[in-house]
PDB file of N, CA and C in Angstrom:
ATOM      1  N   MET A   1      59.908 -47.002 -59.595  1.00  0.00           N
ATOM      2  CA  MET A   1      60.531 -47.066 -58.290  1.00  0.00           C
ATOM      3  C   MET A   1      61.913 -47.704 -58.371  1.00  0.00           C
ATOM      4  N   TYR A   2      61.965 -48.908 -59.009  1.00  0.00           N
ATOM      5  CA  TYR A   2      63.251 -49.595 -59.086  1.00  0.00           C
ATOM      6  C   TYR A   2      64.218 -48.888 -60.024  1.00  0.00           C
ATOM      7  N   PHE A   3      63.673 -48.264 -61.079  1.00  0.00           N
ATOM      8  CA  PHE A   3      64.543 -47.549 -62.014  1.00  0.00           C
ATOM      9  C   PHE A   3      65.219 -46.365 -61.342  1.00  0.00           C
ATOM     10  N   THR A   4      64.466 -45.603 -60.560  1.00  0.00           N
ATOM     11  CA  THR A   4      65.070 -44.457 -59.874  1.00  0.00           C
ATOM     12  C   THR A   4      66.084 -44.922 -58.837  1.00  0.00           C
ATOM     13  N   LEU A   5      65.810 -46.030 -58.169  1.00  0.00           N
ATOM     14  CA  LEU A   5      66.772 -46.573 -57.217  1.00  0.00           C
ATOM     15  C   LEU A   5      68.047 -46.997 -57.930  1.00  0.00           C
ATOM     16  N   LEU A   6      67.913 -47.630 -59.086  1.00  0.00           N
ATOM     17  CA  LEU A   6      69.079 -48.038 -59.870  1.00  0.00           C
ATOM     18  C   LEU A   6      69.896 -46.828 -60.312  1.00  0.00           C
ATOM     19  N   VAL A   7      69.222 -45.793 -60.772  1.00  0.00           N
ATOM     20  CA  VAL A   7      69.923 -44.574 -61.202  1.00  0.00           C
ATOM     21  C   VAL A   7      70.649 -43.926 -60.026  1.00  0.00           C
ATOM     22  N   VAL A   8      70.011 -43.868 -58.879  1.00  0.00           N
ATOM     23  CA  VAL A   8      70.638 -43.279 -57.688  1.00  0.00           C
ATOM     24  C   VAL A   8      71.861 -44.081 -57.271  1.00  0.00           C
ATOM     25  N   VAL A   9      71.770 -45.405 -57.311  1.00  0.00           N
ATOM     26  CA  VAL A   9      72.903 -46.253 -56.931  1.00  0.00           C
ATOM     27  C   VAL A   9      74.059 -46.063 -57.904  1.00  0.00           C
ATOM     28  N   ILE A  10      73.773 -46.036 -59.194  1.00  0.00           N
ATOM     29  CA  ILE A  10      74.834 -45.856 -60.190  1.00  0.00           C
ATOM     30  C   ILE A  10      75.487 -44.484 -60.054  1.00  0.00           C
ATOM     31  N   LEU A  11      74.697 -43.435 -59.881  1.00  0.00           N
ATOM     32  CA  LEU A  11      75.270 -42.093 -59.719  1.00  0.00           C
ATOM     33  C   LEU A  11      76.082 -41.979 -58.432  1.00  0.00           C
ATOM     34  N   THR A  12      75.613 -42.615 -57.368  1.00  0.00           N
ATOM     35  CA  THR A  12      76.374 -42.605 -56.115  1.00  0.00           C
ATOM     36  C   THR A  12      77.697 -43.323 -56.287  1.00  0.00           C
ATOM     37  N   ALA A  13      77.687 -44.450 -56.987  1.00  0.00           N
ATOM     38  CA  ALA A  13      78.924 -45.189 -57.224  1.00  0.00           C
ATOM     39  C   ALA A  13      79.905 -44.357 -58.039  1.00  0.00           C
ATOM     40  N   ILE A  14      79.428 -43.697 -59.071  1.00  0.00           N
ATOM     41  CA  ILE A  14      80.304 -42.853 -59.891  1.00  0.00           C
ATOM     42  C   ILE A  14      80.853 -41.702 -59.065  1.00  0.00           C
ATOM     43  N   ALA A  15      80.019 -41.087 -58.248  1.00  0.00           N
ATOM     44  CA  ALA A  15      80.473 -39.972 -57.408  1.00  0.00           C
ATOM     45  C   ALA A  15      81.516 -40.438 -56.387  1.00  0.00           C
ATOM     46  N   LEU A  16      81.305 -41.588 -55.766  1.00  0.00           N
ATOM     47  CA  LEU A  16      82.273 -42.082 -54.786  1.00  0.00           C
ATOM     48  C   LEU A  16      83.619 -42.396 -55.428  1.00  0.00           C
ATOM     49  N   VAL A  17      83.600 -42.980 -56.612  1.00  0.00           N
ATOM     50  CA  VAL A  17      84.851 -43.270 -57.317  1.00  0.00           C
ATOM     51  C   VAL A  17      85.563 -41.973 -57.696  1.00  0.00           C
ATOM     52  N   ALA A  18      84.814 -40.989 -58.184  1.00  0.00           N
ATOM     53  CA  ALA A  18      85.417 -39.703 -58.557  1.00  0.00           C
ATOM     54  C   ALA A  18      86.012 -39.006 -57.341  1.00  0.00           C
ATOM     55  N   VAL A  19      85.312 -39.022 -56.208  1.00  0.00           N
ATOM     56  CA  VAL A  19      85.833 -38.393 -54.997  1.00  0.00           C
ATOM     57  C   VAL A  19      87.086 -39.115 -54.509  1.00  0.00           C
ATOM     58  N   ALA A  20      87.079 -40.457 -54.543  1.00  0.00           N
ATOM     59  CA  ALA A  20      88.250 -41.217 -54.102  1.00  0.00           C
ATOM     60  C   ALA A  20      89.457 -40.939 -54.992  1.00  0.00           C
ATOM     61  N   LEU A  21      89.255 -40.870 -56.313  1.00  0.00           N
ATOM     62  CA  LEU A  21      90.363 -40.564 -57.215  1.00  0.00           C
ATOM     63  C   LEU A  21      90.868 -39.138 -57.016  1.00  0.00           C
ATOM     64  N   GLY A  22      89.955 -38.204 -56.783  1.00  0.00           N
ATOM     65  CA  GLY A  22      90.366 -36.820 -56.534  1.00  0.00           C
ATOM     66  C   GLY A  22      91.175 -36.671 -55.254  1.00  0.00           C
ATOM     67  N   ILE A  23      90.743 -37.333 -54.185  1.00  0.00           N
ATOM     68  CA  ILE A  23      91.493 -37.277 -52.924  1.00  0.00           C
ATOM     69  C   ILE A  23      92.866 -37.919 -53.093  1.00  0.00           C
ATOM     70  N   ALA A  24      92.932 -39.050 -53.779  1.00  0.00           N
ATOM     71  CA  ALA A  24      94.214 -39.725 -53.994  1.00  0.00           C
ATOM     72  C   ALA A  24      95.158 -38.855 -54.808  1.00  0.00           C
ATOM     73  N   ARG A  25      94.632 -38.168 -55.792  1.00  0.00           N
ATOM     74  CA  ARG A  25      95.479 -37.306 -56.617  1.00  0.00           C
ATOM     75  C   ARG A  25      95.960 -36.084 -55.835  1.00  0.00           C
ATOM     76  N   ALA A  26      95.116 -35.556 -54.961  1.00  0.00           N
ATOM     77  CA  ALA A  26      95.483 -34.361 -54.191  1.00  0.00           C
ATOM     78  C   ALA A  26      96.490 -34.677 -53.085  1.00  0.00           C
ATOM     79  N   VAL A  27      96.409 -35.858 -52.508  1.00  0.00           N
ATOM     80  CA  VAL A  27      97.232 -36.189 -51.349  1.00  0.00           C
ATOM     81  C   VAL A  27      98.533 -36.905 -51.730  1.00  0.00           C
ATOM     82  N   SER A  28      98.568 -37.572 -52.862  1.00  0.00           N
ATOM     83  CA  SER A  28      99.715 -38.414 -53.211  1.00  0.00           C
ATOM     84  C   SER A  28     100.960 -37.578 -53.492  1.00  0.00           C
ATOM     85  N   PRO A  29     102.138 -38.092 -53.092  1.00  0.00           N
ATOM     86  CA  PRO A  29     103.390 -37.379 -53.371  1.00  0.00           C
ATOM     87  C   PRO A  29     103.751 -37.505 -54.853  1.00  0.00           C
ATOM     88  N   ARG A  30     104.454 -36.498 -55.338  1.00  0.00           N
ATOM     89  CA  ARG A  30     104.864 -36.498 -56.742  1.00  0.00           C
ATOM     90  C   ARG A  30     106.373 -36.385 -56.831  1.00  0.00           C
ATOM     91  N   SER A  31     106.939 -37.193 -57.692  1.00  0.00           N
ATOM     92  CA  SER A  31     108.373 -37.158 -57.943  1.00  0.00           C
ATOM     93  C   SER A  31     108.586 -37.248 -59.444  1.00  0.00           C
ATOM     94  N   TYR A  32     109.320 -36.302 -59.987  1.00  0.00           N
ATOM     95  CA  TYR A  32     109.553 -36.270 -61.427  1.00  0.00           C
ATOM     96  C   TYR A  32     110.996 -36.622 -61.760  1.00  0.00           C
ATOM     97  N   ASN A  33     111.556 -37.570 -61.032  1.00  0.00           N
ATOM     98  CA  ASN A  33     112.918 -38.012 -61.261  1.00  0.00           C
ATOM     99  C   ASN A  33     112.956 -38.897 -62.508  1.00  0.00           C
ATOM    100  N   PRO A  34     113.918 -38.660 -63.430  1.00  0.00           N
ATOM    101  CA  PRO A  34     113.967 -39.484 -64.652  1.00  0.00           C
ATOM    102  C   PRO A  34     114.275 -40.952 -64.364  1.00  0.00           C
ATOM    103  N   GLN A  35     114.936 -41.238 -63.248  1.00  0.00           N
ATOM    104  CA  GLN A  35     115.237 -42.629 -62.921  1.00  0.00           C
ATOM    105  C   GLN A  35     113.984 -43.403 -62.542  1.00  0.00           C
ATOM    106  N   LYS A  36     112.945 -42.705 -62.177  1.00  0.00           N
ATOM    107  CA  LYS A  36     111.713 -43.366 -61.766  1.00  0.00           C
ATOM    108  C   LYS A  36     111.084 -44.150 -62.915  1.00  0.00           C
ATOM    109  N   GLY A  37     111.286 -43.719 -64.130  1.00  0.00           N
ATOM    110  CA  GLY A  37     110.702 -44.388 -65.281  1.00  0.00           C
ATOM    111  C   GLY A  37     111.538 -45.512 -65.843  1.00  0.00           C
ATOM    112  N   GLU A  38     112.733 -45.741 -65.297  1.00  0.00           N
ATOM    113  CA  GLU A  38     113.597 -46.793 -65.819  1.00  0.00           C
ATOM    114  C   GLU A  38     113.174 -48.158 -65.305  1.00  0.00           C
ATOM    115  N   ALA A  39     113.506 -49.182 -66.094  1.00  0.00           N
ATOM    116  CA  ALA A  39     113.231 -50.548 -65.667  1.00  0.00           C
ATOM    117  C   ALA A  39     114.189 -50.918 -64.536  1.00  0.00           C
ATOM    118  N   TYR A  40     113.701 -51.656 -63.569  1.00  0.00           N
ATOM    119  CA  TYR A  40     114.478 -51.973 -62.380  1.00  0.00           C
ATOM    120  C   TYR A  40     114.253 -53.427 -62.015  1.00  0.00           C
ATOM    121  N   GLU A  41     115.353 -54.149 -61.828  1.00  0.00           N
ATOM    122  CA  GLU A  41     115.226 -55.542 -61.436  1.00  0.00           C
ATOM    123  C   GLU A  41     116.376 -55.905 -60.515  1.00  0.00           C
ATOM    124  N   CYS A  42     116.067 -56.234 -59.312  1.00  0.00           N
ATOM    125  CA  CYS A  42     117.026 -56.728 -58.318  1.00  0.00           C
ATOM    126  C   CYS A  42     118.155 -55.743 -58.043  1.00  0.00           C
ATOM    127  N   GLY A  43     117.950 -54.476 -58.242  1.00  0.00           N
ATOM    128  CA  GLY A  43     118.962 -53.483 -57.934  1.00  0.00           C
ATOM    129  C   GLY A  43     120.052 -53.370 -58.982  1.00  0.00           C
ATOM    130  N   ILE A  44     119.939 -54.105 -60.062  1.00  0.00           N
ATOM    131  CA  ILE A  44     120.959 -54.090 -61.117  1.00  0.00           C
ATOM    132  C   ILE A  44     120.394 -53.325 -62.314  1.00  0.00           C
ATOM    133  N   PRO A  45     121.129 -52.367 -62.829  1.00  0.00           N
ATOM    134  CA  PRO A  45     120.639 -51.648 -64.020  1.00  0.00           C
ATOM    135  C   PRO A  45     120.484 -52.604 -65.206  1.00  0.00           C
ATOM    136  N   THR A  46     119.477 -52.379 -66.010  1.00  0.00           N
ATOM    137  CA  THR A  46     119.238 -53.251 -67.158  1.00  0.00           C
ATOM    138  C   THR A  46     120.212 -52.941 -68.270  1.00  0.00           C
ATOM    139  N   ARG A  47     120.508 -53.965 -69.050  1.00  0.00           N
ATOM    140  CA  ARG A  47     121.356 -53.808 -70.238  1.00  0.00           C
ATOM    141  C   ARG A  47     120.504 -54.101 -71.460  1.00  0.00           C
ATOM    142  N   GLY A  48     120.583 -53.278 -72.434  1.00  0.00           N
ATOM    143  CA  GLY A  48     119.788 -53.491 -73.637  1.00  0.00           C
ATOM    144  C   GLY A  48     118.360 -53.020 -73.460  1.00  0.00           C
ATOM    145  N   ARG A  49     117.477 -53.581 -74.262  1.00  0.00           N
ATOM    146  CA  ARG A  49     116.069 -53.196 -74.197  1.00  0.00           C
ATOM    147  C   ARG A  49     115.396 -53.883 -73.025  1.00  0.00           C
ATOM    148  N   SER A  50     114.568 -53.159 -72.341  1.00  0.00           N
ATOM    149  CA  SER A  50     113.864 -53.744 -71.206  1.00  0.00           C
ATOM    150  C   SER A  50     112.496 -54.287 -71.599  1.00  0.00           C
ATOM    151  N   TRP A  51     112.014 -53.953 -72.766  1.00  0.00           N
ATOM    152  CA  TRP A  51     110.716 -54.457 -73.233  1.00  0.00           C
ATOM    153  C   TRP A  51     110.969 -55.578 -74.223  1.00  0.00           C
ATOM    154  N   ARG A  52     110.517 -56.767 -73.872  1.00  0.00           N
ATOM    155  CA  ARG A  52     110.687 -57.911 -74.745  1.00  0.00           C
ATOM    156  C   ARG A  52     109.327 -58.480 -75.096  1.00  0.00           C
ATOM    157  N   GLN A  53     109.264 -59.055 -76.253  1.00  0.00           N
ATOM    158  CA  GLN A  53     108.029 -59.671 -76.691  1.00  0.00           C
ATOM    159  C   GLN A  53     108.081 -61.153 -76.332  1.00  0.00           C
ATOM    160  N   PHE A  54     107.031 -61.644 -75.673  1.00  0.00           N
ATOM    161  CA  PHE A  54     106.958 -63.045 -75.279  1.00  0.00           C
ATOM    162  C   PHE A  54     106.050 -63.798 -76.231  1.00  0.00           C
ATOM    163  N   LYS A  55     106.331 -65.087 -76.349  1.00  0.00           N
ATOM    164  CA  LYS A  55     105.467 -65.922 -77.178  1.00  0.00           C
ATOM    165  C   LYS A  55     104.111 -66.080 -76.511  1.00  0.00           C
ATOM    166  N   VAL A  56     103.076 -66.187 -77.310  1.00  0.00           N
ATOM    167  CA  VAL A  56     101.734 -66.330 -76.785  1.00  0.00           C
ATOM    168  C   VAL A  56     101.565 -67.688 -76.102  1.00  0.00           C
ATOM    169  N   GLY A  57     102.435 -68.623 -76.380  1.00  0.00           N
ATOM    170  CA  GLY A  57     102.363 -69.942 -75.761  1.00  0.00           C
ATOM    171  C   GLY A  57     102.503 -69.895 -74.252  1.00  0.00           C
ATOM    172  N   TYR A  58     103.293 -68.952 -73.738  1.00  0.00           N
ATOM    173  CA  TYR A  58     103.448 -68.815 -72.298  1.00  0.00           C
ATOM    174  C   TYR A  58     102.114 -68.429 -71.643  1.00  0.00           C
ATOM    175  N   TYR A  59     101.403 -67.511 -72.267  1.00  0.00           N
ATOM    176  CA  TYR A  59     100.121 -67.082 -71.722  1.00  0.00           C
ATOM    177  C   TYR A  59      99.089 -68.209 -71.819  1.00  0.00           C
ATOM    178  N   LEU A  60      99.096 -68.939 -72.921  1.00  0.00           N
ATOM    179  CA  LEU A  60      98.179 -70.057 -73.079  1.00  0.00           C
ATOM    180  C   LEU A  60      98.443 -71.135 -72.033  1.00  0.00           C
ATOM    181  N   PHE A  61      99.719 -71.397 -71.774  1.00  0.00           N
ATOM    182  CA  PHE A  61     100.082 -72.378 -70.755  1.00  0.00           C
ATOM    183  C   PHE A  61      99.599 -71.913 -69.381  1.00  0.00           C
ATOM    184  N   ALA A  62      99.743 -70.631 -69.081  1.00  0.00           N
ATOM    185  CA  ALA A  62      99.286 -70.095 -67.794  1.00  0.00           C
ATOM    186  C   ALA A  62      97.774 -70.181 -67.667  1.00  0.00           C
ATOM    187  N   ILE A  63      97.046 -69.918 -68.730  1.00  0.00           N
ATOM    188  CA  ILE A  63      95.591 -70.003 -68.690  1.00  0.00           C
ATOM    189  C   ILE A  63      95.150 -71.445 -68.475  1.00  0.00           C
ATOM    190  N   LEU A  64      95.831 -72.388 -69.122  1.00  0.00           N
ATOM    191  CA  LEU A  64      95.503 -73.793 -68.909  1.00  0.00           C
ATOM    192  C   LEU A  64      95.776 -74.201 -67.464  1.00  0.00           C
ATOM    193  N   PHE A  65      96.876 -73.708 -66.907  1.00  0.00           N
ATOM    194  CA  PHE A  65      97.181 -74.006 -65.511  1.00  0.00           C
ATOM    195  C   PHE A  65      96.089 -73.473 -64.593  1.00  0.00           C
ATOM    196  N   LEU A  66      95.654 -72.239 -64.824  1.00  0.00           N
ATOM    197  CA  LEU A  66      94.589 -71.668 -64.003  1.00  0.00           C
ATOM    198  C   LEU A  66      93.283 -72.439 -64.147  1.00  0.00           C
ATOM    199  N   MET A  67      92.997 -72.882 -65.354  1.00  0.00           N
ATOM    200  CA  MET A  67      91.768 -73.628 -65.577  1.00  0.00           C
ATOM    201  C   MET A  67      91.760 -74.909 -64.746  1.00  0.00           C
ATOM    202  N   PHE A  68      92.857 -75.637 -64.735  1.00  0.00           N
ATOM    203  CA  PHE A  68      92.888 -76.883 -63.986  1.00  0.00           C
ATOM    204  C   PHE A  68      93.096 -76.639 -62.497  1.00  0.00           C
ATOM    205  N   ASP A  69      93.621 -75.502 -62.130  1.00  0.00           N
ATOM    206  CA  ASP A  69      93.706 -75.136 -60.723  1.00  0.00           C
ATOM    207  C   ASP A  69      92.308 -74.862 -60.164  1.00  0.00           C
ATOM    208  N   VAL A  70      91.493 -74.167 -60.925  1.00  0.00           N
ATOM    209  CA  VAL A  70      90.105 -73.904 -60.523  1.00  0.00           C
ATOM    210  C   VAL A  70      89.327 -75.211 -60.472  1.00  0.00           C
ATOM    211  N   GLU A  71      89.616 -76.116 -61.392  1.00  0.00           N
ATOM    212  CA  GLU A  71      88.963 -77.429 -61.362  1.00  0.00           C
ATOM    213  C   GLU A  71      89.247 -78.139 -60.041  1.00  0.00           C
ATOM    214  N   THR A  72      90.471 -78.072 -59.578  1.00  0.00           N
ATOM    215  CA  THR A  72      90.834 -78.710 -58.314  1.00  0.00           C
ATOM    216  C   THR A  72      90.063 -78.103 -57.152  1.00  0.00           C
ATOM    217  N   VAL A  73      89.902 -76.804 -57.148  1.00  0.00           N
ATOM    218  CA  VAL A  73      89.140 -76.147 -56.079  1.00  0.00           C
ATOM    219  C   VAL A  73      87.691 -76.625 -56.089  1.00  0.00           C
ATOM    220  N   PHE A  74      87.083 -76.739 -57.261  1.00  0.00           N
ATOM    221  CA  PHE A  74      85.707 -77.213 -57.348  1.00  0.00           C
ATOM    222  C   PHE A  74      85.588 -78.676 -56.926  1.00  0.00           C
ATOM    223  N   LEU A  75      86.589 -79.473 -57.285  1.00  0.00           N
ATOM    224  CA  LEU A  75      86.523 -80.887 -56.915  1.00  0.00           C
ATOM    225  C   LEU A  75      86.641 -81.085 -55.409  1.00  0.00           C
ATOM    226  N   PHE A  76      87.464 -80.301 -54.744  1.00  0.00           N
ATOM    227  CA  PHE A  76      87.576 -80.419 -53.290  1.00  0.00           C
ATOM    228  C   PHE A  76      86.274 -80.030 -52.599  1.00  0.00           C
ATOM    229  N   SER A  77      85.665 -78.945 -53.040  1.00  0.00           N
ATOM    230  CA  SER A  77      84.404 -78.542 -52.422  1.00  0.00           C
ATOM    231  C   SER A  77      83.294 -79.540 -52.745  1.00  0.00           C
ATOM    232  N   TRP A  78      83.324 -80.143 -53.913  1.00  0.00           N
ATOM    233  CA  TRP A  78      82.333 -81.157 -54.259  1.00  0.00           C
ATOM    234  C   TRP A  78      82.533 -82.406 -53.407  1.00  0.00           C
ATOM    235  N   ALA A  79      83.782 -82.786 -53.161  1.00  0.00           N
ATOM    236  CA  ALA A  79      84.058 -83.997 -52.386  1.00  0.00           C
ATOM    237  C   ALA A  79      83.566 -83.879 -50.943  1.00  0.00           C
ATOM    238  N   VAL A  80      83.486 -82.668 -50.428  1.00  0.00           N
ATOM    239  CA  VAL A  80      83.015 -82.480 -49.056  1.00  0.00           C
ATOM    240  C   VAL A  80      81.527 -82.809 -48.931  1.00  0.00           C
ATOM    241  N   VAL A  81      80.743 -82.487 -49.940  1.00  0.00           N
ATOM    242  CA  VAL A  81      79.290 -82.659 -49.857  1.00  0.00           C
ATOM    243  C   VAL A  81      78.771 -83.733 -50.806  1.00  0.00           C
ATOM    244  N   VAL A  82      79.606 -84.650 -51.238  1.00  0.00           N
ATOM    245  CA  VAL A  82      79.206 -85.624 -52.251  1.00  0.00           C
ATOM    246  C   VAL A  82      78.067 -86.524 -51.782  1.00  0.00           C
ATOM    247  N   GLN A  83      78.034 -86.900 -50.530  1.00  0.00           N
ATOM    248  CA  GLN A  83      76.976 -87.795 -50.057  1.00  0.00           C
ATOM    249  C   GLN A  83      75.623 -87.087 -49.978  1.00  0.00           C
ATOM    250  N   GLU A  84      75.633 -85.796 -49.729  1.00  0.00           N
ATOM    251  CA  GLU A  84      74.380 -85.052 -49.627  1.00  0.00           C
ATOM    252  C   GLU A  84      73.762 -84.757 -50.993  1.00  0.00           C
ATOM    253  N   LEU A  85      74.559 -84.734 -52.039  1.00  0.00           N
ATOM    254  CA  LEU A  85      74.063 -84.358 -53.364  1.00  0.00           C
ATOM    255  C   LEU A  85      73.346 -85.487 -54.083  1.00  0.00           C
ATOM    256  N   GLY A  86      73.770 -86.696 -53.857  1.00  0.00           N
ATOM    257  CA  GLY A  86      73.116 -87.834 -54.499  1.00  0.00           C
ATOM    258  C   GLY A  86      73.488 -87.976 -55.963  1.00  0.00           C
ATOM    259  N   VAL A  87      72.564 -88.527 -56.732  1.00  0.00           N
ATOM    260  CA  VAL A  87      72.814 -88.809 -58.148  1.00  0.00           C
ATOM    261  C   VAL A  87      72.949 -87.520 -58.948  1.00  0.00           C
ATOM    262  N   TYR A  88      72.154 -86.520 -58.624  1.00  0.00           N
ATOM    263  CA  TYR A  88      72.230 -85.243 -59.342  1.00  0.00           C
ATOM    264  C   TYR A  88      73.631 -84.629 -59.217  1.00  0.00           C
ATOM    265  N   GLY A  89      74.208 -84.681 -58.027  1.00  0.00           N
ATOM    266  CA  GLY A  89      75.561 -84.158 -57.824  1.00  0.00           C
ATOM    267  C   GLY A  89      76.590 -84.942 -58.601  1.00  0.00           C
ATOM    268  N   LEU A  90      76.418 -86.264 -58.650  1.00  0.00           N
ATOM    269  CA  LEU A  90      77.353 -87.102 -59.400  1.00  0.00           C
ATOM    270  C   LEU A  90      77.289 -86.796 -60.889  1.00  0.00           C
ATOM    271  N   VAL A  91      76.084 -86.664 -61.421  1.00  0.00           N
ATOM    272  CA  VAL A  91      75.926 -86.372 -62.846  1.00  0.00           C
ATOM    273  C   VAL A  91      76.490 -84.991 -63.179  1.00  0.00           C
ATOM    274  N   SER A  92      76.239 -84.014 -62.315  1.00  0.00           N
ATOM    275  CA  SER A  92      76.736 -82.659 -62.599  1.00  0.00           C
ATOM    276  C   SER A  92      78.259 -82.602 -62.551  1.00  0.00           C
ATOM    277  N   ILE A  93      78.878 -83.304 -61.604  1.00  0.00           N
ATOM    278  CA  ILE A  93      80.336 -83.268 -61.546  1.00  0.00           C
ATOM    279  C   ILE A  93      80.944 -84.074 -62.694  1.00  0.00           C
ATOM    280  N   LEU A  94      80.267 -85.128 -63.119  1.00  0.00           N
ATOM    281  CA  LEU A  94      80.758 -85.871 -64.287  1.00  0.00           C
ATOM    282  C   LEU A  94      80.684 -85.012 -65.544  1.00  0.00           C
ATOM    283  N   PHE A  95      79.614 -84.234 -65.680  1.00  0.00           N
ATOM    284  CA  PHE A  95      79.515 -83.307 -66.819  1.00  0.00           C
ATOM    285  C   PHE A  95      80.641 -82.270 -66.761  1.00  0.00           C
ATOM    286  N   PHE A  96      80.904 -81.757 -65.561  1.00  0.00           N
ATOM    287  CA  PHE A  96      81.989 -80.792 -65.368  1.00  0.00           C
ATOM    288  C   PHE A  96      83.329 -81.404 -65.771  1.00  0.00           C
ATOM    289  N   LEU A  97      83.580 -82.624 -65.349  1.00  0.00           N
ATOM    290  CA  LEU A  97      84.839 -83.290 -65.684  1.00  0.00           C
ATOM    291  C   LEU A  97      84.940 -83.598 -67.181  1.00  0.00           C
ATOM    292  N   VAL A  98      83.824 -83.966 -67.805  1.00  0.00           N
ATOM    293  CA  VAL A  98      83.853 -84.233 -69.248  1.00  0.00           C
ATOM    294  C   VAL A  98      84.211 -82.970 -70.022  1.00  0.00           C
ATOM    295  N   VAL A  99      83.642 -81.847 -69.636  1.00  0.00           N
ATOM    296  CA  VAL A  99      83.968 -80.581 -70.313  1.00  0.00           C
ATOM    297  C   VAL A  99      85.446 -80.248 -70.137  1.00  0.00           C
ATOM    298  N   LEU A 100      85.978 -80.438 -68.937  1.00  0.00           N
ATOM    299  CA  LEU A 100      87.396 -80.159 -68.715  1.00  0.00           C
ATOM    300  C   LEU A 100      88.300 -81.134 -69.452  1.00  0.00           C
ATOM    301  N   ILE A 101      87.915 -82.387 -69.523  1.00  0.00           N
ATOM    302  CA  ILE A 101      88.710 -83.368 -70.263  1.00  0.00           C
ATOM    303  C   ILE A 101      88.699 -83.043 -71.748  1.00  0.00           C
ATOM    304  N   LEU A 102      87.560 -82.613 -72.272  1.00  0.00           N
ATOM    305  CA  LEU A 102      87.510 -82.187 -73.674  1.00  0.00           C
ATOM    306  C   LEU A 102      88.402 -80.975 -73.919  1.00  0.00           C
ATOM    307  N   GLY A 103      88.420 -80.043 -72.951  1.00  0.00           N
ATOM    308  CA  GLY A 103      89.313 -78.894 -73.071  1.00  0.00           C
ATOM    309  C   GLY A 103      90.774 -79.300 -73.049  1.00  0.00           C
ATOM    310  N   LEU A 104      91.118 -80.244 -72.197  1.00  0.00           N
ATOM    311  CA  LEU A 104      92.489 -80.742 -72.140  1.00  0.00           C
ATOM    312  C   LEU A 104      92.857 -81.461 -73.434  1.00  0.00           C
ATOM    313  N   ALA A 105      91.939 -82.269 -73.952  1.00  0.00           N
ATOM    314  CA  ALA A 105      92.208 -82.972 -75.212  1.00  0.00           C
ATOM    315  C   ALA A 105      92.407 -81.983 -76.358  1.00  0.00           C
ATOM    316  N   TYR A 106      91.598 -80.947 -76.384  1.00  0.00           N
ATOM    317  CA  TYR A 106      91.743 -79.922 -77.432  1.00  0.00           C
ATOM    318  C   TYR A 106      93.098 -79.227 -77.330  1.00  0.00           C
ATOM    319  N   ALA A 107      93.480 -78.842 -76.101  1.00  0.00           N
ATOM    320  CA  ALA A 107      94.774 -78.170 -75.915  1.00  0.00           C
ATOM    321  C   ALA A 107      95.925 -79.104 -76.259  1.00  0.00           C
ATOM    322  N   TRP A 108      95.800 -80.363 -75.916  1.00  0.00           N
ATOM    323  CA  TRP A 108      96.837 -81.339 -76.206  1.00  0.00           C
ATOM    324  C   TRP A 108      96.976 -81.534 -77.717  1.00  0.00           C
ATOM    325  N   ARG A 109      95.826 -81.628 -78.405  1.00  0.00           N
ATOM    326  CA  ARG A 109      95.856 -81.831 -79.850  1.00  0.00           C
ATOM    327  C   ARG A 109      96.447 -80.630 -80.583  1.00  0.00           C
ATOM    328  N   LYS A 110      96.177 -79.423 -80.067  1.00  0.00           N
ATOM    329  CA  LYS A 110      96.713 -78.214 -80.691  1.00  0.00           C
ATOM    330  C   LYS A 110      98.196 -77.997 -80.359  1.00  0.00           C
ATOM    331  N   GLY A 111      98.744 -78.785 -79.427  1.00  0.00           N
ATOM    332  CA  GLY A 111     100.159 -78.659 -79.080  1.00  0.00           C
ATOM    333  C   GLY A 111     100.437 -77.597 -78.041  1.00  0.00           C
ATOM    334  N   ALA A 112      99.413 -77.189 -77.293  1.00  0.00           N
ATOM    335  CA  ALA A 112      99.587 -76.132 -76.304  1.00  0.00           C
ATOM    336  C   ALA A 112     100.354 -76.617 -75.083  1.00  0.00           C
ATOM    337  N   LEU A 113     100.437 -77.919 -74.880  1.00  0.00           N
ATOM    338  CA  LEU A 113     101.114 -78.448 -73.700  1.00  0.00           C
ATOM    339  C   LEU A 113     102.580 -78.790 -73.960  1.00  0.00           C
ATOM    340  N   GLU A 114     103.029 -78.596 -75.198  1.00  0.00           N
ATOM    341  CA  GLU A 114     104.425 -78.870 -75.521  1.00  0.00           C
ATOM    342  C   GLU A 114     105.249 -77.612 -75.277  1.00  0.00           C
ATOM    343  N   TRP A 115     106.336 -77.782 -74.554  1.00  0.00           N
ATOM    344  CA  TRP A 115     107.203 -76.646 -74.216  1.00  0.00           C
ATOM    345  C   TRP A 115     108.353 -76.644 -75.204  1.00  0.00           C
ATOM    346  N   LYS A 116     108.366 -75.646 -76.094  1.00  0.00           N
ATOM    347  CA  LYS A 116     109.395 -75.588 -77.144  1.00  0.00           C
ATOM    348  C   LYS A 116     110.368 -74.486 -76.880  1.00  0.00           C
TER     349      LYS A 116
END
């Protein structure tokens, strides 16, 4: 019973996605202007190559920022209900903070926080 329901749901999802992509392709406007493929920034034509390779450090720094941004969101929601959670809530948030502090220490030791 559940297997057939799962198969029906998956096939319906695939069919809906295929129909949506087909309608979008049939209705969307097409323009084959060569300028459409050029890099564009602030209305000024680019000089030189428009594809540049970035250091992986920028991405690592962004991931670290997101990690601690998510930590802040969890801490605010935890602070709202801290009295209702009791000791279990305190222990769980301390474990959460210890894991994040270990992650910060690891990133700091590897030099990921230094901007060169």
